[in-house]
Amino acid sequence: MHERKKVMFMNSDAIVVLPGGAGSLD
């Protein structure tokens, strides 16, 4: 999961958080 977040973050210019659960909060 940590690597997933890092890859997603590194490949983005902006972050959007839609409704979600514990994973989205993390």
PDB file of all heavy atoms in Angstrom:
ATOM      1  N   MET A   1       0.818  -1.216   0.000  1.00  0.00           N
ATOM      2  CA  MET A   1       0.000   0.000   0.000  1.00  0.00           C
ATOM      3  C   MET A   1       0.850   1.263   0.000  1.00  0.00           C
ATOM      4  O   MET A   1       0.526   2.236  -0.672  1.00  0.00           O
ATOM      5  CB  MET A   1      -0.924   0.002   1.228  1.00  0.00           C
ATOM      6  CG  MET A   1      -1.960  -1.102   1.225  1.00  0.00           C
ATOM      7  SD  MET A   1      -3.178  -0.927  -0.085  1.00  0.00           S
ATOM      8  CE  MET A   1      -4.224   0.337   0.620  1.00  0.00           C
ATOM      9  N   HIS A   2       1.925   1.269   0.771  1.00  0.00           N
ATOM     10  CA  HIS A   2       2.768   2.461   0.837  1.00  0.00           C
ATOM     11  C   HIS A   2       3.353   2.784  -0.535  1.00  0.00           C
ATOM     12  O   HIS A   2       3.345   3.939  -0.964  1.00  0.00           O
ATOM     13  CB  HIS A   2       3.883   2.284   1.874  1.00  0.00           C
ATOM     14  CG  HIS A   2       4.752   3.490   1.981  1.00  0.00           C
ATOM     15  ND1 HIS A   2       4.326   4.654   2.581  1.00  0.00           N
ATOM     16  CD2 HIS A   2       6.002   3.740   1.525  1.00  0.00           C
ATOM     17  CE1 HIS A   2       5.278   5.560   2.499  1.00  0.00           C
ATOM     18  NE2 HIS A   2       6.301   5.028   1.862  1.00  0.00           N
ATOM     19  N   GLU A   3       3.824   1.754  -1.219  1.00  0.00           N
ATOM     20  CA  GLU A   3       4.389   1.962  -2.549  1.00  0.00           C
ATOM     21  C   GLU A   3       3.306   2.460  -3.505  1.00  0.00           C
ATOM     22  O   GLU A   3       3.560   3.308  -4.367  1.00  0.00           O
ATOM     23  CB  GLU A   3       5.009   0.654  -3.057  1.00  0.00           C
ATOM     24  CG  GLU A   3       5.789   0.802  -4.339  1.00  0.00           C
ATOM     25  CD  GLU A   3       6.405  -0.519  -4.798  1.00  0.00           C
ATOM     26  OE1 GLU A   3       6.667  -1.406  -3.960  1.00  0.00           O
ATOM     27  OE2 GLU A   3       6.600  -0.659  -6.021  1.00  0.00           O
ATOM     28  N   ARG A   4       2.098   1.949  -3.357  1.00  0.00           N
ATOM     29  CA  ARG A   4       0.968   2.397  -4.195  1.00  0.00           C
ATOM     30  C   ARG A   4       0.764   3.896  -4.038  1.00  0.00           C
ATOM     31  O   ARG A   4       0.668   4.637  -5.016  1.00  0.00           O
ATOM     32  CB  ARG A   4      -0.300   1.647  -3.791  1.00  0.00           C
ATOM     33  CG  ARG A   4      -1.546   2.082  -4.534  1.00  0.00           C
ATOM     34  CD  ARG A   4      -2.809   1.609  -3.817  1.00  0.00           C
ATOM     35  NE  ARG A   4      -3.860   1.166  -4.723  1.00  0.00           N
ATOM     36  CZ  ARG A   4      -5.037   0.748  -4.331  1.00  0.00           C
ATOM     37  NH1 ARG A   4      -5.327   0.676  -3.039  1.00  0.00           N
ATOM     38  NH2 ARG A   4      -5.952   0.386  -5.203  1.00  0.00           N
ATOM     39  N   LYS A   5       0.685   4.361  -2.797  1.00  0.00           N
ATOM     40  CA  LYS A   5       0.471   5.786  -2.541  1.00  0.00           C
ATOM     41  C   LYS A   5       1.603   6.624  -3.124  1.00  0.00           C
ATOM     42  O   LYS A   5       1.363   7.676  -3.725  1.00  0.00           O
ATOM     43  CB  LYS A   5       0.359   6.058  -1.038  1.00  0.00           C
ATOM     44  CG  LYS A   5      -0.933   5.600  -0.429  1.00  0.00           C
ATOM     45  CD  LYS A   5      -0.992   5.935   1.046  1.00  0.00           C
ATOM     46  CE  LYS A   5      -0.041   5.058   1.839  1.00  0.00           C
ATOM     47  NZ  LYS A   5      -0.170   5.215   3.279  1.00  0.00           N
ATOM     48  N   LYS A   6       2.831   6.142  -2.944  1.00  0.00           N
ATOM     49  CA  LYS A   6       3.989   6.888  -3.433  1.00  0.00           C
ATOM     50  C   LYS A   6       3.966   7.013  -4.958  1.00  0.00           C
ATOM     51  O   LYS A   6       4.180   8.095  -5.500  1.00  0.00           O
ATOM     52  CB  LYS A   6       5.286   6.203  -2.984  1.00  0.00           C
ATOM     53  CG  LYS A   6       6.535   6.933  -3.423  1.00  0.00           C
ATOM     54  CD  LYS A   6       7.787   6.217  -2.950  1.00  0.00           C
ATOM     55  CE  LYS A   6       9.025   6.918  -3.495  1.00  0.00           C
ATOM     56  NZ  LYS A   6      10.253   6.183  -3.174  1.00  0.00           N
ATOM     57  N   VAL A   7       3.681   5.920  -5.643  1.00  0.00           N
ATOM     58  CA  VAL A   7       3.635   5.949  -7.115  1.00  0.00           C
ATOM     59  C   VAL A   7       2.513   6.870  -7.591  1.00  0.00           C
ATOM     60  O   VAL A   7       2.697   7.668  -8.513  1.00  0.00           O
ATOM     61  CB  VAL A   7       3.477   4.520  -7.691  1.00  0.00           C
ATOM     62  CG1 VAL A   7       3.199   4.569  -9.184  1.00  0.00           C
ATOM     63  CG2 VAL A   7       4.726   3.692  -7.409  1.00  0.00           C
ATOM     64  N   MET A   8       1.355   6.783  -6.952  1.00  0.00           N
ATOM     65  CA  MET A   8       0.241   7.652  -7.328  1.00  0.00           C
ATOM     66  C   MET A   8       0.603   9.113  -7.122  1.00  0.00           C
ATOM     67  O   MET A   8       0.397   9.955  -8.003  1.00  0.00           O
ATOM     68  CB  MET A   8      -1.012   7.284  -6.522  1.00  0.00           C
ATOM     69  CG  MET A   8      -1.617   5.952  -6.895  1.00  0.00           C
ATOM     70  SD  MET A   8      -2.941   5.425  -5.781  1.00  0.00           S
ATOM     71  CE  MET A   8      -4.230   6.615  -6.161  1.00  0.00           C
ATOM     72  N   PHE A   9       1.174   9.418  -5.973  1.00  0.00           N
ATOM     73  CA  PHE A   9       1.539  10.792  -5.648  1.00  0.00           C
ATOM     74  C   PHE A   9       2.602  11.329  -6.607  1.00  0.00           C
ATOM     75  O   PHE A   9       2.481  12.440  -7.117  1.00  0.00           O
ATOM     76  CB  PHE A   9       2.042  10.879  -4.201  1.00  0.00           C
ATOM     77  CG  PHE A   9       2.611  12.226  -3.869  1.00  0.00           C
ATOM     78  CD1 PHE A   9       1.767  13.283  -3.578  1.00  0.00           C
ATOM     79  CD2 PHE A   9       3.974  12.446  -3.880  1.00  0.00           C
ATOM     80  CE1 PHE A   9       2.284  14.536  -3.290  1.00  0.00           C
ATOM     81  CE2 PHE A   9       4.496  13.687  -3.601  1.00  0.00           C
ATOM     82  CZ  PHE A   9       3.649  14.744  -3.304  1.00  0.00           C
ATOM     83  N   MET A  10       3.628  10.528  -6.860  1.00  0.00           N
ATOM     84  CA  MET A  10       4.739  10.977  -7.705  1.00  0.00           C
ATOM     85  C   MET A  10       4.297  11.228  -9.147  1.00  0.00           C
ATOM     86  O   MET A  10       4.950  11.979  -9.866  1.00  0.00           O
ATOM     87  CB  MET A  10       5.884   9.967  -7.679  1.00  0.00           C
ATOM     88  CG  MET A  10       6.537   9.789  -6.322  1.00  0.00           C
ATOM     89  SD  MET A  10       7.284  11.291  -5.672  1.00  0.00           S
ATOM     90  CE  MET A  10       8.680  11.461  -6.771  1.00  0.00           C
ATOM     91  N   ASN A  11       3.214  10.622  -9.571  1.00  0.00           N
ATOM     92  CA  ASN A  11       2.741  10.759 -10.941  1.00  0.00           C
ATOM     93  C   ASN A  11       1.558  11.724 -11.072  1.00  0.00           C
ATOM     94  O   ASN A  11       0.801  11.654 -12.030  1.00  0.00           O
ATOM     95  CB  ASN A  11       2.367   9.384 -11.505  1.00  0.00           C
ATOM     96  CG  ASN A  11       3.589   8.587 -11.864  1.00  0.00           C
ATOM     97  OD1 ASN A  11       4.187   8.806 -12.914  1.00  0.00           O
ATOM     98  ND2 ASN A  11       3.997   7.686 -10.982  1.00  0.00           N
ATOM     99  N   SER A  12       1.413  12.619 -10.099  1.00  0.00           N
ATOM    100  CA  SER A  12       0.279  13.540 -10.130  1.00  0.00           C
ATOM    101  C   SER A  12       0.712  14.981  -9.888  1.00  0.00           C
ATOM    102  O   SER A  12       1.754  15.241  -9.286  1.00  0.00           O
ATOM    103  CB  SER A  12      -0.761  13.127  -9.087  1.00  0.00           C
ATOM    104  OG  SER A  12      -0.220  13.241  -7.791  1.00  0.00           O
ATOM    105  N   ASP A  13      -0.138  15.878 -10.373  1.00  0.00           N
ATOM    106  CA  ASP A  13       0.066  17.316 -10.169  1.00  0.00           C
ATOM    107  C   ASP A  13      -0.843  17.862  -9.077  1.00  0.00           C
ATOM    108  O   ASP A  13      -0.580  18.919  -8.515  1.00  0.00           O
ATOM    109  CB  ASP A  13      -0.242  18.079 -11.469  1.00  0.00           C
ATOM    110  CG  ASP A  13       0.622  17.635 -12.625  1.00  0.00           C
ATOM    111  OD1 ASP A  13       1.855  17.651 -12.484  1.00  0.00           O
ATOM    112  OD2 ASP A  13       0.065  17.257 -13.675  1.00  0.00           O
ATOM    113  N   ALA A  14      -1.929  17.173  -8.824  1.00  0.00           N
ATOM    114  CA  ALA A  14      -2.915  17.596  -7.833  1.00  0.00           C
ATOM    115  C   ALA A  14      -3.556  16.349  -7.244  1.00  0.00           C
ATOM    116  O   ALA A  14      -3.574  15.294  -7.881  1.00  0.00           O
ATOM    117  CB  ALA A  14      -3.977  18.484  -8.471  1.00  0.00           C
ATOM    118  N   ILE A  15      -4.074  16.486  -6.031  1.00  0.00           N
ATOM    119  CA  ILE A  15      -4.708  15.371  -5.338  1.00  0.00           C
ATOM    120  C   ILE A  15      -6.160  15.736  -5.044  1.00  0.00           C
ATOM    121  O   ILE A  15      -6.447  16.838  -4.559  1.00  0.00           O
ATOM    122  CB  ILE A  15      -3.977  15.025  -4.016  1.00  0.00           C
ATOM    123  CG1 ILE A  15      -2.562  14.525  -4.292  1.00  0.00           C
ATOM    124  CG2 ILE A  15      -4.741  13.975  -3.231  1.00  0.00           C
ATOM    125  CD1 ILE A  15      -1.515  15.561  -4.173  1.00  0.00           C
ATOM    126  N   VAL A  16      -7.063  14.808  -5.320  1.00  0.00           N
ATOM    127  CA  VAL A  16      -8.484  14.981  -5.014  1.00  0.00           C
ATOM    128  C   VAL A  16      -8.919  13.806  -4.159  1.00  0.00           C
ATOM    129  O   VAL A  16      -8.645  12.643  -4.492  1.00  0.00           O
ATOM    130  CB  VAL A  16      -9.335  15.050  -6.304  1.00  0.00           C
ATOM    131  CG1 VAL A  16     -10.822  15.009  -5.978  1.00  0.00           C
ATOM    132  CG2 VAL A  16      -8.993  16.299  -7.103  1.00  0.00           C
ATOM    133  N   VAL A  17      -9.592  14.099  -3.053  1.00  0.00           N
ATOM    134  CA  VAL A  17     -10.101  13.064  -2.164  1.00  0.00           C
ATOM    135  C   VAL A  17     -11.626  13.088  -2.239  1.00  0.00           C
ATOM    136  O   VAL A  17     -12.255  14.083  -1.874  1.00  0.00           O
ATOM    137  CB  VAL A  17      -9.630  13.280  -0.705  1.00  0.00           C
ATOM    138  CG1 VAL A  17     -10.119  12.151   0.190  1.00  0.00           C
ATOM    139  CG2 VAL A  17      -8.114  13.424  -0.631  1.00  0.00           C
ATOM    140  N   LEU A  18     -12.194  11.997  -2.733  1.00  0.00           N
ATOM    141  CA  LEU A  18     -13.641  11.827  -2.764  1.00  0.00           C
ATOM    142  C   LEU A  18     -14.047  11.069  -1.494  1.00  0.00           C
ATOM    143  O   LEU A  18     -13.182  10.593  -0.752  1.00  0.00           O
ATOM    144  CB  LEU A  18     -14.050  11.030  -4.004  1.00  0.00           C
ATOM    145  CG  LEU A  18     -13.607  11.549  -5.366  1.00  0.00           C
ATOM    146  CD1 LEU A  18     -14.141  10.642  -6.481  1.00  0.00           C
ATOM    147  CD2 LEU A  18     -14.032  12.975  -5.593  1.00  0.00           C
ATOM    148  N   PRO A  19     -15.328  10.895  -1.222  1.00  0.00           N
ATOM    149  CA  PRO A  19     -15.719  10.099  -0.067  1.00  0.00           C
ATOM    150  C   PRO A  19     -15.070   8.713  -0.089  1.00  0.00           C
ATOM    151  O   PRO A  19     -14.847   8.131  -1.157  1.00  0.00           O
ATOM    152  CB  PRO A  19     -17.245  10.013  -0.200  1.00  0.00           C
ATOM    153  CG  PRO A  19     -17.606  11.306  -0.860  1.00  0.00           C
ATOM    154  CD  PRO A  19     -16.499  11.523  -1.869  1.00  0.00           C
ATOM    155  N   GLY A  20     -14.774   8.209   1.078  1.00  0.00           N
ATOM    156  CA  GLY A  20     -14.142   6.902   1.202  1.00  0.00           C
ATOM    157  C   GLY A  20     -13.984   6.524   2.657  1.00  0.00           C
ATOM    158  O   GLY A  20     -14.459   7.226   3.561  1.00  0.00           O
ATOM    159  N   GLY A  21     -13.298   5.419   2.875  1.00  0.00           N
ATOM    160  CA  GLY A  21     -13.135   4.884   4.219  1.00  0.00           C
ATOM    161  C   GLY A  21     -11.746   5.075   4.780  1.00  0.00           C
ATOM    162  O   GLY A  21     -11.061   6.063   4.491  1.00  0.00           O
ATOM    163  N   ALA A  22     -11.300   4.089   5.560  1.00  0.00           N
ATOM    164  CA  ALA A  22     -10.017   4.184   6.244  1.00  0.00           C
ATOM    165  C   ALA A  22      -8.866   4.345   5.259  1.00  0.00           C
ATOM    166  O   ALA A  22      -7.915   5.107   5.510  1.00  0.00           O
ATOM    167  CB  ALA A  22      -9.797   2.947   7.118  1.00  0.00           C
ATOM    168  N   GLY A  23      -8.927   3.654   4.124  1.00  0.00           N
ATOM    169  CA  GLY A  23      -7.866   3.776   3.126  1.00  0.00           C
ATOM    170  C   GLY A  23      -7.771   5.185   2.568  1.00  0.00           C
ATOM    171  O   GLY A  23      -6.673   5.726   2.399  1.00  0.00           O
ATOM    172  N   SER A  24      -8.914   5.798   2.300  1.00  0.00           N
ATOM    173  CA  SER A  24      -8.925   7.168   1.786  1.00  0.00           C
ATOM    174  C   SER A  24      -8.399   8.145   2.828  1.00  0.00           C
ATOM    175  O   SER A  24      -7.688   9.101   2.498  1.00  0.00           O
ATOM    176  CB  SER A  24     -10.335   7.572   1.355  1.00  0.00           C
ATOM    177  OG  SER A  24     -10.813   6.697   0.351  1.00  0.00           O
ATOM    178  N   LEU A  25      -8.755   7.912   4.091  1.00  0.00           N
ATOM    179  CA  LEU A  25      -8.220   8.751   5.170  1.00  0.00           C
ATOM    180  C   LEU A  25      -6.706   8.593   5.278  1.00  0.00           C
ATOM    181  O   LEU A  25      -5.980   9.588   5.441  1.00  0.00           O
ATOM    182  CB  LEU A  25      -8.876   8.391   6.505  1.00  0.00           C
ATOM    183  CG  LEU A  25     -10.285   8.917   6.709  1.00  0.00           C
ATOM    184  CD1 LEU A  25     -10.924   8.247   7.923  1.00  0.00           C
ATOM    185  CD2 LEU A  25     -10.263  10.434   6.876  1.00  0.00           C
ATOM    186  N   ASP A  26      -6.223   7.364   5.187  1.00  0.00           N
ATOM    187  CA  ASP A  26      -4.782   7.102   5.224  1.00  0.00           C
ATOM    188  C   ASP A  26      -4.081   7.870   4.106  1.00  0.00           C
ATOM    189  O   ASP A  26      -3.071   8.533   4.332  1.00  0.00           O
ATOM    190  CB  ASP A  26      -4.535   5.597   5.088  1.00  0.00           C
ATOM    191  CG  ASP A  26      -3.072   5.257   4.904  1.00  0.00           C
ATOM    192  OD1 ASP A  26      -2.256   5.602   5.778  1.00  0.00           O
ATOM    193  OD2 ASP A  26      -2.743   4.658   3.860  1.00  0.00           O
TER     194      ASP A  26
END
